[in-house]
PDB file of N, CA and C in Angstrom:
ATOM      1  N   ASN A   1       0.780  -1.100   0.103  1.00  0.00           N
ATOM      2  CA  ASN A   1       0.009  -0.073  -0.017  1.00  0.00           C
ATOM      3  C   ASN A   1       0.800   1.202  -0.059  1.00  0.00           C
ATOM      4  N   SER A   2       2.209   1.087  -0.235  1.00  0.00           N
ATOM      5  CA  SER A   2       3.026   2.254  -0.111  1.00  0.00           C
ATOM      6  C   SER A   2       2.620   3.193  -1.252  1.00  0.00           C
ATOM      7  N   PRO A   3       2.606   4.546  -1.167  1.00  0.00           N
ATOM      8  CA  PRO A   3       2.551   5.400  -2.291  1.00  0.00           C
ATOM      9  C   PRO A   3       3.768   5.443  -3.178  1.00  0.00           C
ATOM     10  N   HIS A   4       4.905   4.944  -2.683  1.00  0.00           N
ATOM     11  CA  HIS A   4       6.300   5.072  -3.365  1.00  0.00           C
ATOM     12  C   HIS A   4       6.374   3.730  -4.232  1.00  0.00           C
ATOM     13  N   PRO A   5       6.882   3.807  -5.370  1.00  0.00           N
ATOM     14  CA  PRO A   5       7.212   2.604  -6.118  1.00  0.00           C
ATOM     15  C   PRO A   5       8.145   1.695  -5.488  1.00  0.00           C
ATOM     16  N   ILE A   6       7.828   0.441  -5.393  1.00  0.00           N
ATOM     17  CA  ILE A   6       8.669  -0.643  -4.740  1.00  0.00           C
ATOM     18  C   ILE A   6       8.613  -1.694  -5.718  1.00  0.00           C
ATOM     19  N   VAL A   7       9.963  -2.162  -6.152  1.00  0.00           N
ATOM     20  CA  VAL A   7      10.165  -3.261  -7.021  1.00  0.00           C
ATOM     21  C   VAL A   7      11.007  -4.322  -6.468  1.00  0.00           C
ATOM     22  N   ILE A   8      10.658  -5.570  -6.519  1.00  0.00           N
ATOM     23  CA  ILE A   8      11.411  -6.637  -6.012  1.00  0.00           C
ATOM     24  C   ILE A   8      11.993  -7.107  -7.112  1.00  0.00           C
ATOM     25  N   HIS A   9      13.456  -7.334  -7.095  1.00  0.00           N
ATOM     26  CA  HIS A   9      14.106  -7.875  -8.332  1.00  0.00           C
ATOM     27  C   HIS A   9      15.248  -8.756  -7.812  1.00  0.00           C
ATOM     28  N   ASP A  10      15.886  -9.468  -8.817  1.00  0.00           N
ATOM     29  CA  ASP A  10      16.931 -10.581  -8.407  1.00  0.00           C
ATOM     30  C   ASP A  10      18.388  -9.871  -8.940  1.00  0.00           C
ATOM     31  N   GLY A  11      18.186  -8.557  -9.308  1.00  0.00           N
ATOM     32  CA  GLY A  11      19.480  -7.859  -9.764  1.00  0.00           C
ATOM     33  C   GLY A  11      19.509  -8.004 -11.330  1.00  0.00           C
ATOM     34  N   LYS A  12      18.559  -8.697 -11.902  1.00  0.00           N
ATOM     35  CA  LYS A  12      18.525  -8.859 -13.308  1.00  0.00           C
ATOM     36  C   LYS A  12      17.214  -8.459 -13.802  1.00  0.00           C
ATOM     37  N   MET A  13      16.098  -9.206 -13.225  1.00  0.00           N
ATOM     38  CA  MET A  13      14.866  -9.011 -13.727  1.00  0.00           C
ATOM     39  C   MET A  13      13.924  -8.714 -12.444  1.00  0.00           C
ATOM     40  N   ILE A  14      12.735  -8.106 -12.845  1.00  0.00           N
ATOM     41  CA  ILE A  14      11.761  -7.762 -12.008  1.00  0.00           C
ATOM     42  C   ILE A  14      10.820  -8.935 -11.673  1.00  0.00           C
ATOM     43  N   LEU A  15      10.854  -9.109 -10.158  1.00  0.00           N
ATOM     44  CA  LEU A  15      10.117 -10.464  -9.699  1.00  0.00           C
ATOM     45  C   LEU A  15       8.685 -10.132  -9.272  1.00  0.00           C
ATOM     46  N   ASP A  16       8.625  -8.687  -8.707  1.00  0.00           N
ATOM     47  CA  ASP A  16       7.215  -8.433  -8.089  1.00  0.00           C
ATOM     48  C   ASP A  16       7.322  -6.818  -8.036  1.00  0.00           C
ATOM     49  N   ALA A  17       6.219  -6.010  -8.019  1.00  0.00           N
ATOM     50  CA  ALA A  17       6.144  -4.762  -7.731  1.00  0.00           C
ATOM     51  C   ALA A  17       4.725  -4.314  -7.150  1.00  0.00           C
ATOM     52  N   ASN A  18       4.806  -3.119  -6.516  1.00  0.00           N
ATOM     53  CA  ASN A  18       3.454  -2.612  -5.999  1.00  0.00           C
ATOM     54  C   ASN A  18       2.810  -1.824  -7.021  1.00  0.00           C
ATOM     55  N   ARG A  19       1.536  -1.378  -6.562  1.00  0.00           N
ATOM     56  CA  ARG A  19       0.701  -0.682  -7.472  1.00  0.00           C
ATOM     57  C   ARG A  19       1.383   0.609  -7.926  1.00  0.00           C
ATOM     58  N   ALA A  20       2.128   1.271  -6.962  1.00  0.00           N
ATOM     59  CA  ALA A  20       2.760   2.626  -7.371  1.00  0.00           C
ATOM     60  C   ALA A  20       3.977   2.189  -8.430  1.00  0.00           C
ATOM     61  N   ALA A  21       4.636   1.164  -8.407  1.00  0.00           N
ATOM     62  CA  ALA A  21       5.621   0.915  -9.258  1.00  0.00           C
ATOM     63  C   ALA A  21       4.931   0.582 -10.616  1.00  0.00           C
ATOM     64  N   LEU A  22       3.817  -0.182 -10.547  1.00  0.00           N
ATOM     65  CA  LEU A  22       3.066  -0.408 -11.857  1.00  0.00           C
ATOM     66  C   LEU A  22       2.642   0.889 -12.507  1.00  0.00           C
ATOM     67  N   LYS A  23       2.063   1.819 -11.698  1.00  0.00           N
ATOM     68  CA  LYS A  23       1.635   3.111 -12.361  1.00  0.00           C
ATOM     69  C   LYS A  23       2.723   3.799 -12.915  1.00  0.00           C
ATOM     70  N   ALA A  24       4.014   3.815 -12.082  1.00  0.00           N
ATOM     71  CA  ALA A  24       5.191   4.579 -12.640  1.00  0.00           C
ATOM     72  C   ALA A  24       5.621   3.949 -13.851  1.00  0.00           C
ATOM     73  N   SER A  25       5.530   2.733 -14.007  1.00  0.00           N
ATOM     74  CA  SER A  25       5.965   2.173 -15.231  1.00  0.00           C
ATOM     75  C   SER A  25       5.241   2.324 -16.516  1.00  0.00           C
ATOM     76  N   GLY A  26       3.954   2.803 -16.342  1.00  0.00           N
ATOM     77  CA  GLY A  26       3.124   3.054 -17.480  1.00  0.00           C
ATOM     78  C   GLY A  26       2.479   1.752 -17.912  1.00  0.00           C
ATOM     79  N   LEU A  27       2.633   0.587 -17.422  1.00  0.00           N
ATOM     80  CA  LEU A  27       1.994  -0.549 -17.821  1.00  0.00           C
ATOM     81  C   LEU A  27       0.642  -0.807 -17.022  1.00  0.00           C
ATOM     82  N   LYS A  28      -0.126  -1.714 -17.550  1.00  0.00           N
ATOM     83  CA  LYS A  28      -1.393  -2.004 -17.047  1.00  0.00           C
ATOM     84  C   LYS A  28      -1.477  -2.940 -16.003  1.00  0.00           C
ATOM     85  N   THR A  29      -0.802  -4.089 -16.146  1.00  0.00           N
ATOM     86  CA  THR A  29      -0.940  -5.214 -15.287  1.00  0.00           C
ATOM     87  C   THR A  29       0.492  -5.751 -14.830  1.00  0.00           C
ATOM     88  N   LYS A  30       0.631  -6.289 -13.577  1.00  0.00           N
ATOM     89  CA  LYS A  30       1.879  -6.848 -13.114  1.00  0.00           C
ATOM     90  C   LYS A  30       2.498  -7.761 -14.122  1.00  0.00           C
ATOM     91  N   ALA A  31       1.610  -8.624 -14.674  1.00  0.00           N
ATOM     92  CA  ALA A  31       2.298  -9.548 -15.614  1.00  0.00           C
ATOM     93  C   ALA A  31       3.078  -8.963 -16.802  1.00  0.00           C
ATOM     94  N   GLU A  32       2.679  -7.729 -17.121  1.00  0.00           N
ATOM     95  CA  GLU A  32       3.521  -6.960 -18.081  1.00  0.00           C
ATOM     96  C   GLU A  32       4.800  -6.540 -17.642  1.00  0.00           C
ATOM     97  N   LEU A  33       5.003  -6.277 -16.221  1.00  0.00           N
ATOM     98  CA  LEU A  33       6.036  -5.715 -15.760  1.00  0.00           C
ATOM     99  C   LEU A  33       7.128  -6.869 -15.132  1.00  0.00           C
ATOM    100  N   ILE A  34       6.481  -7.953 -14.542  1.00  0.00           N
ATOM    101  CA  ILE A  34       7.300  -8.924 -14.158  1.00  0.00           C
ATOM    102  C   ILE A  34       8.043  -9.637 -15.257  1.00  0.00           C
ATOM    103  N   GLY A  35       9.337  -9.862 -15.044  1.00  0.00           N
ATOM    104  CA  GLY A  35      10.195 -10.419 -16.025  1.00  0.00           C
ATOM    105  C   GLY A  35      10.941  -9.502 -16.874  1.00  0.00           C
ATOM    106  N   LYS A  36      10.598  -8.337 -16.678  1.00  0.00           N
ATOM    107  CA  LYS A  36      11.354  -7.151 -17.633  1.00  0.00           C
ATOM    108  C   LYS A  36      12.784  -7.074 -16.714  1.00  0.00           C
ATOM    109  N   GLY A  37      13.685  -6.618 -17.439  1.00  0.00           N
ATOM    110  CA  GLY A  37      14.939  -6.343 -16.824  1.00  0.00           C
ATOM    111  C   GLY A  37      14.883  -5.117 -15.953  1.00  0.00           C
ATOM    112  N   ILE A  38      15.469  -5.229 -14.750  1.00  0.00           N
ATOM    113  CA  ILE A  38      15.423  -4.148 -13.799  1.00  0.00           C
ATOM    114  C   ILE A  38      15.851  -2.830 -14.314  1.00  0.00           C
ATOM    115  N   LEU A  39      16.869  -2.842 -15.165  1.00  0.00           N
ATOM    116  CA  LEU A  39      17.363  -1.539 -15.740  1.00  0.00           C
ATOM    117  C   LEU A  39      16.507  -0.870 -16.773  1.00  0.00           C
ATOM    118  N   GLU A  40      15.789  -1.729 -17.363  1.00  0.00           N
ATOM    119  CA  GLU A  40      14.819  -1.083 -18.150  1.00  0.00           C
ATOM    120  C   GLU A  40      13.974   0.119 -17.835  1.00  0.00           C
ATOM    121  N   LEU A  41      13.588   0.022 -16.513  1.00  0.00           N
ATOM    122  CA  LEU A  41      12.948   1.170 -15.914  1.00  0.00           C
ATOM    123  C   LEU A  41      13.715   2.359 -15.535  1.00  0.00           C
ATOM    124  N   VAL A  42      15.000   2.051 -15.327  1.00  0.00           N
ATOM    125  CA  VAL A  42      15.976   3.129 -14.935  1.00  0.00           C
ATOM    126  C   VAL A  42      16.274   4.248 -15.951  1.00  0.00           C
ATOM    127  N   HIS A  43      16.269   5.333 -15.825  1.00  0.00           N
ATOM    128  CA  HIS A  43      16.646   6.353 -16.949  1.00  0.00           C
ATOM    129  C   HIS A  43      18.012   6.101 -17.344  1.00  0.00           C
ATOM    130  N   PRO A  44      18.291   6.016 -18.794  1.00  0.00           N
ATOM    131  CA  PRO A  44      19.567   5.761 -19.282  1.00  0.00           C
ATOM    132  C   PRO A  44      20.722   6.405 -18.579  1.00  0.00           C
ATOM    133  N   ASP A  45      20.449   7.757 -18.294  1.00  0.00           N
ATOM    134  CA  ASP A  45      21.620   8.462 -17.553  1.00  0.00           C
ATOM    135  C   ASP A  45      21.966   7.926 -16.262  1.00  0.00           C
ATOM    136  N   ASP A  46      21.043   7.400 -15.450  1.00  0.00           N
ATOM    137  CA  ASP A  46      21.125   6.931 -14.079  1.00  0.00           C
ATOM    138  C   ASP A  46      21.447   5.402 -13.969  1.00  0.00           C
ATOM    139  N   ARG A  47      21.615   4.648 -15.204  1.00  0.00           N
ATOM    140  CA  ARG A  47      21.886   3.249 -15.077  1.00  0.00           C
ATOM    141  C   ARG A  47      23.280   2.870 -14.598  1.00  0.00           C
ATOM    142  N   PRO A  48      24.378   3.611 -14.874  1.00  0.00           N
ATOM    143  CA  PRO A  48      25.540   3.342 -14.352  1.00  0.00           C
ATOM    144  C   PRO A  48      25.522   3.509 -12.798  1.00  0.00           C
ATOM    145  N   LYS A  49      24.725   4.503 -12.244  1.00  0.00           N
ATOM    146  CA  LYS A  49      24.849   4.702 -10.767  1.00  0.00           C
ATOM    147  C   LYS A  49      23.876   3.517 -10.115  1.00  0.00           C
ATOM    148  N   ALA A  50      22.878   3.191 -10.871  1.00  0.00           N
ATOM    149  CA  ALA A  50      21.995   2.007 -10.297  1.00  0.00           C
ATOM    150  C   ALA A  50      22.918   0.646 -10.461  1.00  0.00           C
ATOM    151  N   LYS A  51      23.609   0.506 -11.435  1.00  0.00           N
ATOM    152  CA  LYS A  51      24.411  -0.928 -11.584  1.00  0.00           C
ATOM    153  C   LYS A  51      25.432  -0.828 -10.310  1.00  0.00           C
ATOM    154  N   ASN A  52      26.084   0.377 -10.039  1.00  0.00           N
ATOM    155  CA  ASN A  52      27.032   0.299  -8.988  1.00  0.00           C
ATOM    156  C   ASN A  52      26.375   0.180  -7.731  1.00  0.00           C
ATOM    157  N   ARG A  53      25.205   0.596  -7.555  1.00  0.00           N
ATOM    158  CA  ARG A  53      24.422   0.540  -6.166  1.00  0.00           C
ATOM    159  C   ARG A  53      24.170  -0.936  -6.099  1.00  0.00           C
ATOM    160  N   MET A  54      23.673  -1.550  -7.052  1.00  0.00           N
ATOM    161  CA  MET A  54      23.422  -3.000  -6.909  1.00  0.00           C
ATOM    162  C   MET A  54      24.654  -3.864  -6.510  1.00  0.00           C
ATOM    163  N   LYS A  55      25.716  -3.572  -7.149  1.00  0.00           N
ATOM    164  CA  LYS A  55      27.057  -4.221  -6.707  1.00  0.00           C
ATOM    165  C   LYS A  55      27.323  -4.040  -5.461  1.00  0.00           C
ATOM    166  N   GLN A  56      27.352  -2.780  -4.971  1.00  0.00           N
ATOM    167  CA  GLN A  56      27.630  -2.458  -3.620  1.00  0.00           C
ATOM    168  C   GLN A  56      26.705  -3.210  -2.553  1.00  0.00           C
ATOM    169  N   MET A  57      25.440  -3.231  -2.936  1.00  0.00           N
ATOM    170  CA  MET A  57      24.459  -3.919  -2.148  1.00  0.00           C
ATOM    171  C   MET A  57      24.906  -5.406  -1.847  1.00  0.00           C
ATOM    172  N   LEU A  58      25.243  -6.153  -3.149  1.00  0.00           N
ATOM    173  CA  LEU A  58      25.569  -7.380  -3.042  1.00  0.00           C
ATOM    174  C   LEU A  58      26.807  -7.602  -2.204  1.00  0.00           C
ATOM    175  N   LYS A  59      27.727  -6.912  -2.496  1.00  0.00           N
ATOM    176  CA  LYS A  59      29.093  -6.877  -1.828  1.00  0.00           C
ATOM    177  C   LYS A  59      29.038  -6.793  -0.328  1.00  0.00           C
ATOM    178  N   GLU A  60      28.155  -5.860   0.132  1.00  0.00           N
ATOM    179  CA  GLU A  60      28.108  -5.558   1.682  1.00  0.00           C
ATOM    180  C   GLU A  60      26.938  -6.194   2.284  1.00  0.00           C
ATOM    181  N   SER A  61      26.082  -6.842   1.524  1.00  0.00           N
ATOM    182  CA  SER A  61      24.830  -7.779   1.991  1.00  0.00           C
ATOM    183  C   SER A  61      24.058  -6.877   3.022  1.00  0.00           C
ATOM    184  N   ALA A  62      23.987  -5.631   2.788  1.00  0.00           N
ATOM    185  CA  ALA A  62      23.299  -4.818   3.785  1.00  0.00           C
ATOM    186  C   ALA A  62      22.560  -3.670   3.008  1.00  0.00           C
ATOM    187  N   PRO A  63      21.324  -3.250   3.607  1.00  0.00           N
ATOM    188  CA  PRO A  63      20.732  -2.352   2.906  1.00  0.00           C
ATOM    189  C   PRO A  63      21.443  -0.855   2.786  1.00  0.00           C
ATOM    190  N   LEU A  64      21.371  -0.119   1.845  1.00  0.00           N
ATOM    191  CA  LEU A  64      22.099   1.163   1.610  1.00  0.00           C
ATOM    192  C   LEU A  64      21.033   2.314   1.932  1.00  0.00           C
ATOM    193  N   VAL A  65      21.790   3.503   2.140  1.00  0.00           N
ATOM    194  CA  VAL A  65      20.937   4.622   2.399  1.00  0.00           C
ATOM    195  C   VAL A  65      20.204   4.956   1.006  1.00  0.00           C
ATOM    196  N   SER A  66      18.983   5.422   1.244  1.00  0.00           N
ATOM    197  CA  SER A  66      18.074   5.757   0.082  1.00  0.00           C
ATOM    198  C   SER A  66      18.717   6.672  -0.857  1.00  0.00           C
ATOM    199  N   GLU A  67      18.525   6.598  -2.028  1.00  0.00           N
ATOM    200  CA  GLU A  67      19.036   7.466  -3.068  1.00  0.00           C
ATOM    201  C   GLU A  67      18.073   7.740  -4.227  1.00  0.00           C
ATOM    202  N   GLU A  68      18.077   8.891  -4.804  1.00  0.00           N
ATOM    203  CA  GLU A  68      17.103   9.224  -5.805  1.00  0.00           C
ATOM    204  C   GLU A  68      17.686   8.737  -7.247  1.00  0.00           C
ATOM    205  N   PHE A  69      16.732   8.234  -7.960  1.00  0.00           N
ATOM    206  CA  PHE A  69      16.854   7.646  -9.383  1.00  0.00           C
ATOM    207  C   PHE A  69      15.691   8.090 -10.253  1.00  0.00           C
ATOM    208  N   ARG A  70      15.993   8.355 -11.482  1.00  0.00           N
ATOM    209  CA  ARG A  70      14.930   8.667 -12.266  1.00  0.00           C
ATOM    210  C   ARG A  70      14.434   7.346 -13.019  1.00  0.00           C
ATOM    211  N   ILE A  71      13.179   7.255 -13.179  1.00  0.00           N
ATOM    212  CA  ILE A  71      12.494   6.021 -13.929  1.00  0.00           C
ATOM    213  C   ILE A  71      11.946   6.731 -15.187  1.00  0.00           C
ATOM    214  N   LEU A  72      12.154   5.934 -16.223  1.00  0.00           N
ATOM    215  CA  LEU A  72      11.630   6.265 -17.537  1.00  0.00           C
ATOM    216  C   LEU A  72      10.626   5.170 -17.836  1.00  0.00           C
ATOM    217  N   SER A  73       9.214   5.473 -17.746  1.00  0.00           N
ATOM    218  CA  SER A  73       8.191   4.639 -17.867  1.00  0.00           C
ATOM    219  C   SER A  73       8.172   4.055 -19.310  1.00  0.00           C
ATOM    220  N   PHE A  74       7.555   3.031 -19.419  1.00  0.00           N
ATOM    221  CA  PHE A  74       7.461   2.540 -20.941  1.00  0.00           C
ATOM    222  C   PHE A  74       6.529   3.276 -21.738  1.00  0.00           C
ATOM    223  N   THR A  75       6.013   4.260 -21.236  1.00  0.00           N
ATOM    224  CA  THR A  75       5.278   5.208 -22.224  1.00  0.00           C
ATOM    225  C   THR A  75       5.981   6.589 -22.278  1.00  0.00           C
ATOM    226  N   GLY A  76       7.179   6.668 -21.750  1.00  0.00           N
ATOM    227  CA  GLY A  76       8.136   7.760 -21.989  1.00  0.00           C
ATOM    228  C   GLY A  76       8.072   8.897 -20.941  1.00  0.00           C
ATOM    229  N   GLU A  77       7.256   8.636 -19.749  1.00  0.00           N
ATOM    230  CA  GLU A  77       7.186   9.618 -18.922  1.00  0.00           C
ATOM    231  C   GLU A  77       8.463   9.357 -17.765  1.00  0.00           C
ATOM    232  N   GLU A  78       8.944  10.423 -17.254  1.00  0.00           N
ATOM    233  CA  GLU A  78      10.066  10.380 -16.280  1.00  0.00           C
ATOM    234  C   GLU A  78       9.643  10.767 -14.916  1.00  0.00           C
ATOM    235  N   HIS A  79       9.910   9.920 -14.023  1.00  0.00           N
ATOM    236  CA  HIS A  79       9.567  10.071 -12.556  1.00  0.00           C
ATOM    237  C   HIS A  79      10.803   9.916 -11.790  1.00  0.00           C
ATOM    238  N   THR A  80      11.019  10.765 -10.775  1.00  0.00           N
ATOM    239  CA  THR A  80      11.992  10.639  -9.731  1.00  0.00           C
ATOM    240  C   THR A  80      11.568   9.826  -8.527  1.00  0.00           C
ATOM    241  N   VAL A  81      12.261   8.882  -8.159  1.00  0.00           N
ATOM    242  CA  VAL A  81      11.989   7.921  -7.213  1.00  0.00           C
ATOM    243  C   VAL A  81      13.108   7.856  -6.059  1.00  0.00           C
ATOM    244  N   ILE A  82      12.680   7.368  -5.073  1.00  0.00           N
ATOM    245  CA  ILE A  82      13.758   7.142  -3.836  1.00  0.00           C
ATOM    246  C   ILE A  82      13.915   5.552  -3.745  1.00  0.00           C
TER     247      ILE A  82
END
Protein backbone atom coordinates (compact mmCIF):
# COMPACT_ATOMS: atom_id res chain seq x y z
CA ASN A 1 0.00 0.00 0.00
CA SER A 2 3.01 2.32 -0.13
CA PRO A 3 2.57 5.42 -2.28
CA HIS A 4 6.22 4.99 -3.35
CA PRO A 5 7.16 2.64 -6.19
CA ILE A 6 8.64 -0.59 -4.81
CA VAL A 7 10.13 -3.22 -7.11
CA ILE A 8 11.40 -6.62 -6.00
CA HIS A 9 14.14 -7.92 -8.29
CA ASP A 10 16.98 -10.43 -8.38
CA GLY A 11 19.52 -7.98 -9.77
CA LYS A 12 18.52 -8.79 -13.32
CA MET A 13 14.76 -9.03 -13.66
CA ILE A 14 11.66 -7.74 -11.91
CA LEU A 15 10.02 -10.39 -9.72
CA ASP A 16 7.22 -8.33 -8.18
CA ALA A 17 6.10 -4.72 -7.77
CA ASN A 18 3.53 -2.69 -5.89
CA ARG A 19 0.73 -0.64 -7.45
CA ALA A 20 2.77 2.58 -7.34
CA ALA A 21 5.59 0.93 -9.32
CA LEU A 22 3.10 -0.43 -11.83
CA LYS A 23 1.61 3.05 -12.28
CA ALA A 24 5.09 4.62 -12.65
CA SER A 25 6.02 2.01 -15.25
CA GLY A 26 3.11 3.01 -17.47
CA LEU A 27 2.00 -0.60 -17.81
CA LYS A 28 -1.48 -1.92 -17.00
CA THR A 29 -0.80 -5.24 -15.27
CA LYS A 30 1.87 -6.82 -13.09
CA ALA A 31 2.19 -9.59 -15.66
CA GLU A 32 3.46 -7.00 -18.17
CA LEU A 33 6.08 -5.74 -15.68
CA ILE A 34 7.27 -8.99 -14.08
CA GLY A 35 10.15 -10.51 -16.02
CA LYS A 36 11.36 -7.23 -17.51
CA GLY A 37 14.98 -6.26 -16.91
CA ILE A 38 15.35 -4.13 -13.78
CA LEU A 39 17.43 -1.54 -15.61
CA GLU A 40 14.78 -1.14 -18.32
CA LEU A 41 12.91 1.12 -15.90
CA VAL A 42 15.93 3.18 -14.87
CA HIS A 43 16.59 6.33 -16.88
CA PRO A 44 19.57 5.68 -19.21
CA ASP A 45 21.62 8.44 -17.58
CA ASP A 46 21.11 6.85 -14.13
CA ARG A 47 21.88 3.25 -15.14
CA PRO A 48 25.61 3.35 -14.26
CA LYS A 49 24.74 4.67 -10.79
CA ALA A 50 22.06 1.98 -10.37
CA LYS A 51 24.45 -0.80 -11.47
CA ASN A 52 27.10 0.38 -9.01
CA ARG A 53 24.52 0.54 -6.22
CA MET A 54 23.38 -3.03 -6.88
CA LYS A 55 27.01 -4.24 -6.87
CA GLN A 56 27.64 -2.43 -3.60
CA MET A 57 24.51 -3.89 -2.01
CA LEU A 58 25.50 -7.43 -3.02
CA LYS A 59 29.07 -6.92 -1.81
CA GLU A 60 28.07 -5.50 1.57
CA SER A 61 24.97 -7.70 2.02
CA ALA A 62 23.28 -4.81 3.76
CA PRO A 63 20.70 -2.16 2.92
CA LEU A 64 22.06 1.12 1.61
CA VAL A 65 20.99 4.67 2.33
CA SER A 66 18.12 5.72 0.08
CA GLU A 67 19.06 7.52 -3.10
CA GLU A 68 17.07 9.22 -5.84
CA PHE A 69 16.85 7.68 -9.31
CA ARG A 70 14.90 8.62 -12.38
CA ILE A 71 12.53 6.07 -13.84
CA LEU A 72 11.61 6.23 -17.49
CA SER A 73 8.23 4.59 -17.93
CA PHE A 74 7.44 2.41 -20.90
CA THR A 75 5.21 5.25 -22.12
CA GLY A 76 8.11 7.73 -22.01
CA GLU A 77 7.24 9.59 -18.79
CA GLU A 78 10.06 10.43 -16.37
CA HIS A 79 9.59 10.05 -12.59
CA THR A 80 12.04 10.64 -9.76
CA VAL A 81 11.90 7.94 -7.09
CA ILE A 82 13.77 7.10 -3.91
